[in-house]
Amino acid sequence: MKKKLTILLTIVLVGFVGLGLYDLRDSNHKLQLHEIKLQDNALELKQIELEKQQLNKKFEDAIKSGNINDEKVKQLEKEKQDLEEKYRQLEITKAQEKEQKTIASFGITPKASAATGDNETIAWNFLIANGFTRNQTAGIMGNLQQEHNFKTDDVAGGLGIAQWLGGRRANLMARANYLDINVQLKFMLDEMNGPEIVAGNAVRASGSVEAATIAFQNKFERCGLCAQSNRIQYAYDILNRH
């Protein structure tokens, strides 16, 4: 009996060791992938810096030669804005990869949604990094707090932080890891730069917290019973916290 028990314990122990080694190999593999992505990201950032230098040189040469007009200036400005936007997006990707590398190094499995407080901070940093002013960021986020308190799950009222419905909800669900806060923020920004550009332009044109809140409420959320005063108060509260 003791012999059988010893054999059984040995088998169980070997199984746990094997599982541990598998998890370790998997963790190391994830670390290597994130390291490669970070290296690629660093190379892309360097390439953009080089392109920016070349663009500045092109601008200087055009001025010296006198071969410049309003159309040329607009073209060069557009190239500059495109490079700046690409640089911002790469910086965001870099930060996300660093976070994922840290998660992998400790063997932590990412959750579908971070804690509400964490999501608020993530949303604030994301919007600021993407060029929105503090007032505009607060206005957007006052709406998100009213909509679903920065939670990313799918409920009867809609999906995620902005409570998307219909075709917009389906478009979000088509993305990998659609319950992740970063995925939903990127989707929101893509909408504001694409199919919901009217909303994006209205928010970017706003100056005050109230104007930004109302612009996002009316143009992006297009809510029925909006509780506008709540959204504005939330926006001011968020601004004070950050």
C-alpha atoms as a PDB file:
ATOM      1  CA  MET A   1       0.000   0.000   0.000  1.00  0.00           C
ATOM      2  CA  LYS A   2       2.796   2.391   0.957  1.00  0.00           C
ATOM      3  CA  LYS A   3       4.629   1.521  -2.253  1.00  0.00           C
ATOM      4  CA  LYS A   4       1.546   2.366  -4.359  1.00  0.00           C
ATOM      5  CA  LEU A   5       1.060   5.641  -2.482  1.00  0.00           C
ATOM      6  CA  THR A   6       4.705   6.567  -3.054  1.00  0.00           C
ATOM      7  CA  ILE A   7       4.371   5.857  -6.781  1.00  0.00           C
ATOM      8  CA  LEU A   8       1.182   7.918  -6.967  1.00  0.00           C
ATOM      9  CA  LEU A   9       2.793  10.857  -5.175  1.00  0.00           C
ATOM     10  CA  THR A  10       5.817  10.613  -7.470  1.00  0.00           C
ATOM     11  CA  ILE A  11       3.567  10.743 -10.562  1.00  0.00           C
ATOM     12  CA  VAL A  12       1.708  13.769  -9.207  1.00  0.00           C
ATOM     13  CA  LEU A  13       4.984  15.519  -8.349  1.00  0.00           C
ATOM     14  CA  VAL A  14       6.402  14.843 -11.820  1.00  0.00           C
ATOM     15  CA  GLY A  15       3.186  16.224 -13.319  1.00  0.00           C
ATOM     16  CA  PHE A  16       3.448  19.451 -11.321  1.00  0.00           C
ATOM     17  CA  VAL A  17       7.115  19.842 -12.248  1.00  0.00           C
ATOM     18  CA  GLY A  18       6.304  19.279 -15.920  1.00  0.00           C
ATOM     19  CA  LEU A  19       3.488  21.833 -15.764  1.00  0.00           C
ATOM     20  CA  GLY A  20       5.781  24.314 -14.064  1.00  0.00           C
ATOM     21  CA  LEU A  21       8.442  23.862 -16.746  1.00  0.00           C
ATOM     22  CA  TYR A  22       5.811  24.350 -19.464  1.00  0.00           C
ATOM     23  CA  ASP A  23       4.594  27.577 -17.827  1.00  0.00           C
ATOM     24  CA  LEU A  24       8.197  28.774 -17.509  1.00  0.00           C
ATOM     25  CA  ARG A  25       8.923  28.076 -21.187  1.00  0.00           C
ATOM     26  CA  ASP A  26       5.688  29.818 -22.179  1.00  0.00           C
ATOM     27  CA  SER A  27       6.545  32.833 -20.020  1.00  0.00           C
ATOM     28  CA  ASN A  28      10.058  33.039 -21.491  1.00  0.00           C
ATOM     29  CA  HIS A  29       8.624  32.819 -25.003  1.00  0.00           C
ATOM     30  CA  LYS A  30       6.237  35.723 -24.277  1.00  0.00           C
ATOM     31  CA  LEU A  31       9.102  37.753 -22.824  1.00  0.00           C
ATOM     32  CA  GLN A  32      11.171  37.188 -25.969  1.00  0.00           C
ATOM     33  CA  LEU A  33       8.264  38.230 -28.212  1.00  0.00           C
ATOM     34  CA  HIS A  34       7.683  41.445 -26.257  1.00  0.00           C
ATOM     35  CA  GLU A  35      11.421  42.191 -26.300  1.00  0.00           C
ATOM     36  CA  ILE A  36      11.490  41.771 -30.088  1.00  0.00           C
ATOM     37  CA  LYS A  37       8.464  44.053 -30.444  1.00  0.00           C
ATOM     38  CA  LEU A  38      10.142  46.681 -28.250  1.00  0.00           C
ATOM     39  CA  GLN A  39      13.309  46.493 -30.369  1.00  0.00           C
ATOM     40  CA  ASP A  40      11.257  46.886 -33.560  1.00  0.00           C
ATOM     41  CA  ASN A  41       9.429  49.794 -31.956  1.00  0.00           C
ATOM     42  CA  ALA A  42      12.723  51.489 -31.050  1.00  0.00           C
ATOM     43  CA  LEU A  43      13.926  51.115 -34.655  1.00  0.00           C
ATOM     44  CA  GLU A  44      10.696  52.624 -35.996  1.00  0.00           C
ATOM     45  CA  LEU A  45      11.006  55.563 -33.599  1.00  0.00           C
ATOM     46  CA  LYS A  46      14.569  56.183 -34.775  1.00  0.00           C
ATOM     47  CA  GLN A  47      13.412  55.997 -38.382  1.00  0.00           C
ATOM     48  CA  ILE A  48      10.720  58.610 -37.716  1.00  0.00           C
ATOM     49  CA  GLU A  49      13.280  60.883 -36.052  1.00  0.00           C
ATOM     50  CA  LEU A  50      15.413  60.581 -39.184  1.00  0.00           C
ATOM     51  CA  GLU A  51      12.417  61.329 -41.417  1.00  0.00           C
ATOM     52  CA  LYS A  52      11.622  64.403 -39.298  1.00  0.00           C
ATOM     53  CA  GLN A  53      15.203  65.652 -39.739  1.00  0.00           C
ATOM     54  CA  GLN A  54      14.976  65.075 -43.486  1.00  0.00           C
ATOM     55  CA  LEU A  55      11.649  66.922 -43.596  1.00  0.00           C
ATOM     56  CA  ASN A  56      13.129  69.903 -41.732  1.00  0.00           C
ATOM     57  CA  LYS A  57      16.055  69.897 -44.176  1.00  0.00           C
ATOM     58  CA  LYS A  58      13.622  69.809 -47.110  1.00  0.00           C
ATOM     59  CA  PHE A  59      11.768  72.786 -45.637  1.00  0.00           C
ATOM     60  CA  GLU A  60      15.002  74.769 -45.123  1.00  0.00           C
ATOM     61  CA  ASP A  61      16.194  73.993 -48.655  1.00  0.00           C
ATOM     62  CA  ALA A  62      12.857  75.109 -50.110  1.00  0.00           C
ATOM     63  CA  ILE A  63      13.103  78.435 -48.249  1.00  0.00           C
ATOM     64  CA  LYS A  64      16.713  79.026 -49.340  1.00  0.00           C
ATOM     65  CA  SER A  65      15.917  78.293 -52.967  1.00  0.00           C
ATOM     66  CA  GLY A  66      12.818  80.468 -52.915  1.00  0.00           C
ATOM     67  CA  ASN A  67      10.904  77.509 -54.344  1.00  0.00           C
ATOM     68  CA  ILE A  68       8.098  77.613 -51.781  1.00  0.00           C
ATOM     69  CA  ASN A  69       4.466  78.717 -51.779  1.00  0.00           C
ATOM     70  CA  ASP A  70       1.339  78.203 -49.697  1.00  0.00           C
ATOM     71  CA  GLU A  71       0.638  74.851 -51.322  1.00  0.00           C
ATOM     72  CA  LYS A  72       4.176  73.647 -50.599  1.00  0.00           C
ATOM     73  CA  VAL A  73       3.929  74.811 -46.989  1.00  0.00           C
ATOM     74  CA  LYS A  74       0.630  72.955 -46.562  1.00  0.00           C
ATOM     75  CA  GLN A  75       2.153  69.815 -48.017  1.00  0.00           C
ATOM     76  CA  LEU A  76       5.156  69.954 -45.695  1.00  0.00           C
ATOM     77  CA  GLU A  77       2.948  70.716 -42.691  1.00  0.00           C
ATOM     78  CA  LYS A  78       0.769  67.704 -43.569  1.00  0.00           C
ATOM     79  CA  GLU A  79       3.851  65.471 -43.760  1.00  0.00           C
ATOM     80  CA  LYS A  80       4.979  66.800 -40.394  1.00  0.00           C
ATOM     81  CA  GLN A  81       1.577  66.147 -38.771  1.00  0.00           C
ATOM     82  CA  ASP A  82       1.524  62.613 -40.181  1.00  0.00           C
ATOM     83  CA  LEU A  83       4.965  61.922 -38.730  1.00  0.00           C
ATOM     84  CA  GLU A  84       3.996  63.370 -35.342  1.00  0.00           C
ATOM     85  CA  GLU A  85       0.850  61.226 -35.246  1.00  0.00           C
ATOM     86  CA  LYS A  86       2.825  58.124 -36.185  1.00  0.00           C
ATOM     87  CA  TYR A  87       5.366  58.951 -33.484  1.00  0.00           C
ATOM     88  CA  ARG A  88       2.601  59.343 -30.861  1.00  0.00           C
ATOM     89  CA  GLN A  89       1.058  56.022 -31.786  1.00  0.00           C
ATOM     90  CA  LEU A  90       4.431  54.281 -31.555  1.00  0.00           C
ATOM     91  CA  GLU A  91       5.026  55.814 -28.114  1.00  0.00           C
ATOM     92  CA  ILE A  92       1.678  54.414 -26.972  1.00  0.00           C
ATOM     93  CA  THR A  93       2.540  51.008 -28.428  1.00  0.00           C
ATOM     94  CA  LYS A  94       5.896  51.139 -26.675  1.00  0.00           C
ATOM     95  CA  ALA A  95       4.238  51.826 -23.317  1.00  0.00           C
ATOM     96  CA  GLN A  96       1.759  48.991 -23.869  1.00  0.00           C
ATOM     97  CA  GLU A  97       4.511  46.533 -24.814  1.00  0.00           C
ATOM     98  CA  LYS A  98       6.493  47.482 -21.699  1.00  0.00           C
ATOM     99  CA  GLU A  99       3.397  46.797 -19.612  1.00  0.00           C
ATOM    100  CA  GLN A 100       2.838  43.437 -21.318  1.00  0.00           C
ATOM    101  CA  LYS A 101       6.497  42.525 -20.853  1.00  0.00           C
ATOM    102  CA  THR A 102       6.213  43.268 -17.139  1.00  0.00           C
ATOM    103  CA  ILE A 103       3.072  41.143 -16.947  1.00  0.00           C
ATOM    104  CA  ALA A 104       4.819  38.259 -18.747  1.00  0.00           C
ATOM    105  CA  SER A 105       7.917  38.489 -16.553  1.00  0.00           C
ATOM    106  CA  PHE A 106       5.793  37.861 -13.447  1.00  0.00           C
ATOM    107  CA  GLY A 107       3.666  35.222 -15.116  1.00  0.00           C
ATOM    108  CA  ILE A 108       0.455  37.225 -14.650  1.00  0.00           C
ATOM    109  CA  THR A 109      -2.494  36.533 -16.917  1.00  0.00           C
ATOM    110  CA  PRO A 110      -4.044  39.818 -18.124  1.00  0.00           C
ATOM    111  CA  LYS A 111      -7.657  40.343 -17.079  1.00  0.00           C
ATOM    112  CA  ALA A 112     -10.432  41.339 -19.459  1.00  0.00           C
ATOM    113  CA  SER A 113     -10.775  44.639 -17.663  1.00  0.00           C
ATOM    114  CA  ALA A 114      -8.648  46.452 -15.126  1.00  0.00           C
ATOM    115  CA  ALA A 115     -10.108  47.939 -11.960  1.00  0.00           C
ATOM    116  CA  THR A 116     -12.283  50.985 -12.541  1.00  0.00           C
ATOM    117  CA  GLY A 117      -9.751  53.348 -10.944  1.00  0.00           C
ATOM    118  CA  ASP A 118      -6.979  51.943 -13.122  1.00  0.00           C
ATOM    119  CA  ASN A 119      -9.142  52.323 -16.216  1.00  0.00           C
ATOM    120  CA  GLU A 120      -9.702  55.987 -15.411  1.00  0.00           C
ATOM    121  CA  THR A 121      -5.961  56.597 -15.226  1.00  0.00           C
ATOM    122  CA  ILE A 122      -5.340  54.600 -18.401  1.00  0.00           C
ATOM    123  CA  ALA A 123      -8.025  56.581 -20.248  1.00  0.00           C
ATOM    124  CA  TRP A 124      -6.636  59.929 -19.040  1.00  0.00           C
ATOM    125  CA  ASN A 125      -3.077  59.088 -20.118  1.00  0.00           C
ATOM    126  CA  PHE A 126      -4.266  57.718 -23.463  1.00  0.00           C
ATOM    127  CA  LEU A 127      -6.293  60.809 -24.388  1.00  0.00           C
ATOM    128  CA  ILE A 128      -3.588  63.256 -23.285  1.00  0.00           C
ATOM    129  CA  ALA A 129      -0.992  61.271 -25.264  1.00  0.00           C
ATOM    130  CA  ASN A 130      -3.216  61.552 -28.334  1.00  0.00           C
ATOM    131  CA  GLY A 131      -3.303  65.331 -28.310  1.00  0.00           C
ATOM    132  CA  PHE A 132      -6.460  66.199 -26.394  1.00  0.00           C
ATOM    133  CA  THR A 133      -6.208  69.076 -23.926  1.00  0.00           C
ATOM    134  CA  ARG A 134      -6.872  68.559 -20.234  1.00  0.00           C
ATOM    135  CA  ASN A 135     -10.335  70.135 -20.564  1.00  0.00           C
ATOM    136  CA  GLN A 136     -11.189  68.026 -23.607  1.00  0.00           C
ATOM    137  CA  THR A 137      -9.923  64.867 -21.927  1.00  0.00           C
ATOM    138  CA  ALA A 138     -12.000  65.598 -18.827  1.00  0.00           C
ATOM    139  CA  GLY A 139     -15.068  66.245 -21.002  1.00  0.00           C
ATOM    140  CA  ILE A 140     -14.723  62.918 -22.806  1.00  0.00           C
ATOM    141  CA  MET A 141     -14.125  61.063 -19.572  1.00  0.00           C
ATOM    142  CA  GLY A 142     -17.066  62.697 -17.773  1.00  0.00           C
ATOM    143  CA  ASN A 143     -19.203  61.046 -20.443  1.00  0.00           C
ATOM    144  CA  LEU A 144     -17.475  57.691 -20.041  1.00  0.00           C
ATOM    145  CA  GLN A 145     -18.054  57.760 -16.298  1.00  0.00           C
ATOM    146  CA  GLN A 146     -21.744  58.487 -16.825  1.00  0.00           C
ATOM    147  CA  GLU A 147     -22.022  55.798 -19.497  1.00  0.00           C
ATOM    148  CA  HIS A 148     -20.448  52.836 -17.670  1.00  0.00           C
ATOM    149  CA  ASN A 149     -18.016  54.126 -15.025  1.00  0.00           C
ATOM    150  CA  PHE A 150     -14.999  53.088 -17.173  1.00  0.00           C
ATOM    151  CA  LYS A 151     -16.026  49.423 -17.083  1.00  0.00           C
ATOM    152  CA  THR A 152     -15.372  47.446 -20.258  1.00  0.00           C
ATOM    153  CA  ASP A 153     -17.880  44.610 -19.968  1.00  0.00           C
ATOM    154  CA  ASP A 154     -20.951  43.968 -22.122  1.00  0.00           C
ATOM    155  CA  VAL A 155     -24.293  44.728 -20.454  1.00  0.00           C
ATOM    156  CA  ALA A 156     -27.893  45.283 -21.511  1.00  0.00           C
ATOM    157  CA  GLY A 157     -27.318  49.011 -22.047  1.00  0.00           C
ATOM    158  CA  GLY A 158     -24.364  48.524 -24.400  1.00  0.00           C
ATOM    159  CA  LEU A 159     -20.786  47.352 -24.701  1.00  0.00           C
ATOM    160  CA  GLY A 160     -17.826  48.809 -22.870  1.00  0.00           C
ATOM    161  CA  ILE A 161     -16.719  52.223 -21.704  1.00  0.00           C
ATOM    162  CA  ALA A 162     -18.876  54.144 -24.212  1.00  0.00           C
ATOM    163  CA  GLN A 163     -21.782  51.649 -24.214  1.00  0.00           C
ATOM    164  CA  TRP A 164     -21.604  50.967 -27.944  1.00  0.00           C
ATOM    165  CA  LEU A 165     -24.704  49.576 -29.648  1.00  0.00           C
ATOM    166  CA  GLY A 166     -25.705  48.209 -33.044  1.00  0.00           C
ATOM    167  CA  GLY A 167     -23.148  48.241 -35.836  1.00  0.00           C
ATOM    168  CA  ARG A 168     -20.632  50.148 -33.722  1.00  0.00           C
ATOM    169  CA  ARG A 169     -20.847  47.439 -31.056  1.00  0.00           C
ATOM    170  CA  ALA A 170     -20.326  44.762 -33.729  1.00  0.00           C
ATOM    171  CA  ASN A 171     -17.294  46.612 -35.086  1.00  0.00           C
ATOM    172  CA  LEU A 172     -15.730  46.692 -31.637  1.00  0.00           C
ATOM    173  CA  MET A 173     -16.451  43.002 -31.056  1.00  0.00           C
ATOM    174  CA  ALA A 174     -14.639  42.207 -34.305  1.00  0.00           C
ATOM    175  CA  ARG A 175     -11.384  43.349 -32.687  1.00  0.00           C
ATOM    176  CA  ALA A 176      -9.198  40.958 -30.707  1.00  0.00           C
ATOM    177  CA  ASN A 177      -9.432  41.344 -26.918  1.00  0.00           C
ATOM    178  CA  TYR A 178     -12.346  43.768 -27.302  1.00  0.00           C
ATOM    179  CA  LEU A 179     -12.988  43.790 -23.543  1.00  0.00           C
ATOM    180  CA  ASP A 180      -9.542  45.267 -22.901  1.00  0.00           C
ATOM    181  CA  ILE A 181      -9.530  48.955 -21.919  1.00  0.00           C
ATOM    182  CA  ASN A 182      -6.695  49.785 -24.339  1.00  0.00           C
ATOM    183  CA  VAL A 183      -8.522  48.143 -27.245  1.00  0.00           C
ATOM    184  CA  GLN A 184     -11.706  50.088 -26.463  1.00  0.00           C
ATOM    185  CA  LEU A 185      -9.840  53.393 -26.152  1.00  0.00           C
ATOM    186  CA  LYS A 186      -8.113  52.783 -29.496  1.00  0.00           C
ATOM    187  CA  PHE A 187     -11.473  51.900 -31.059  1.00  0.00           C
ATOM    188  CA  MET A 188     -12.992  55.116 -29.677  1.00  0.00           C
ATOM    189  CA  LEU A 189     -10.121  57.168 -31.094  1.00  0.00           C
ATOM    190  CA  ASP A 190     -10.385  55.418 -34.465  1.00  0.00           C
ATOM    191  CA  GLU A 191     -14.087  56.304 -34.558  1.00  0.00           C
ATOM    192  CA  MET A 192     -13.325  59.953 -33.694  1.00  0.00           C
ATOM    193  CA  ASN A 193     -10.772  60.048 -36.517  1.00  0.00           C
ATOM    194  CA  GLY A 194     -13.003  58.135 -38.950  1.00  0.00           C
ATOM    195  CA  PRO A 195     -16.752  57.449 -39.020  1.00  0.00           C
ATOM    196  CA  GLU A 196     -17.342  59.724 -35.995  1.00  0.00           C
ATOM    197  CA  ILE A 197     -14.970  62.480 -37.130  1.00  0.00           C
ATOM    198  CA  VAL A 198     -17.727  65.079 -36.656  1.00  0.00           C
ATOM    199  CA  ALA A 199     -17.602  64.240 -32.959  1.00  0.00           C
ATOM    200  CA  GLY A 200     -13.812  64.227 -32.960  1.00  0.00           C
ATOM    201  CA  ASN A 201     -13.637  67.644 -34.604  1.00  0.00           C
ATOM    202  CA  ALA A 202     -16.284  69.073 -32.250  1.00  0.00           C
ATOM    203  CA  VAL A 203     -14.374  67.936 -29.172  1.00  0.00           C
ATOM    204  CA  ARG A 204     -11.032  69.177 -30.530  1.00  0.00           C
ATOM    205  CA  ALA A 205     -12.590  72.563 -31.304  1.00  0.00           C
ATOM    206  CA  SER A 206     -13.912  72.931 -27.752  1.00  0.00           C
ATOM    207  CA  GLY A 207     -12.130  75.019 -25.129  1.00  0.00           C
ATOM    208  CA  SER A 208     -13.945  74.602 -21.836  1.00  0.00           C
ATOM    209  CA  VAL A 209     -14.799  71.475 -19.864  1.00  0.00           C
ATOM    210  CA  GLU A 210     -18.518  72.083 -20.411  1.00  0.00           C
ATOM    211  CA  ALA A 211     -18.124  72.534 -24.176  1.00  0.00           C
ATOM    212  CA  ALA A 212     -16.034  69.366 -24.501  1.00  0.00           C
ATOM    213  CA  THR A 213     -18.478  67.360 -22.395  1.00  0.00           C
ATOM    214  CA  ILE A 214     -21.519  68.501 -24.373  1.00  0.00           C
ATOM    215  CA  ALA A 215     -19.764  68.027 -27.733  1.00  0.00           C
ATOM    216  CA  PHE A 216     -18.880  64.407 -26.932  1.00  0.00           C
ATOM    217  CA  GLN A 217     -22.321  63.807 -25.433  1.00  0.00           C
ATOM    218  CA  ASN A 218     -24.247  65.152 -28.436  1.00  0.00           C
ATOM    219  CA  LYS A 219     -21.981  64.120 -31.301  1.00  0.00           C
ATOM    220  CA  PHE A 220     -20.419  60.836 -30.130  1.00  0.00           C
ATOM    221  CA  GLU A 221     -22.764  59.309 -27.547  1.00  0.00           C
ATOM    222  CA  ARG A 222     -26.001  60.708 -28.977  1.00  0.00           C
ATOM    223  CA  CYS A 223     -27.747  59.594 -25.800  1.00  0.00           C
ATOM    224  CA  GLY A 224     -31.454  59.746 -25.081  1.00  0.00           C
ATOM    225  CA  LEU A 225     -31.694  60.693 -21.402  1.00  0.00           C
ATOM    226  CA  CYS A 226     -28.212  62.166 -21.114  1.00  0.00           C
ATOM    227  CA  ALA A 227     -28.128  63.501 -17.535  1.00  0.00           C
ATOM    228  CA  GLN A 228     -25.902  66.300 -18.848  1.00  0.00           C
ATOM    229  CA  SER A 229     -25.325  67.919 -15.453  1.00  0.00           C
ATOM    230  CA  ASN A 230     -23.931  64.612 -14.147  1.00  0.00           C
ATOM    231  CA  ARG A 231     -21.527  64.356 -17.065  1.00  0.00           C
ATOM    232  CA  ILE A 232     -20.234  67.896 -16.541  1.00  0.00           C
ATOM    233  CA  GLN A 233     -19.795  67.363 -12.786  1.00  0.00           C
ATOM    234  CA  TYR A 234     -17.955  64.085 -13.405  1.00  0.00           C
ATOM    235  CA  ALA A 235     -15.727  65.888 -15.912  1.00  0.00           C
ATOM    236  CA  TYR A 236     -14.751  68.529 -13.346  1.00  0.00           C
ATOM    237  CA  ASP A 237     -14.156  65.850 -10.699  1.00  0.00           C
ATOM    238  CA  ILE A 238     -11.861  63.968 -13.077  1.00  0.00           C
ATOM    239  CA  LEU A 239      -9.998  67.145 -13.996  1.00  0.00           C
ATOM    240  CA  ASN A 240      -9.371  67.815 -10.287  1.00  0.00           C
ATOM    241  CA  ARG A 241      -8.077  64.256  -9.777  1.00  0.00           C
ATOM    242  CA  HIS A 242      -5.518  64.588 -12.565  1.00  0.00           C
END
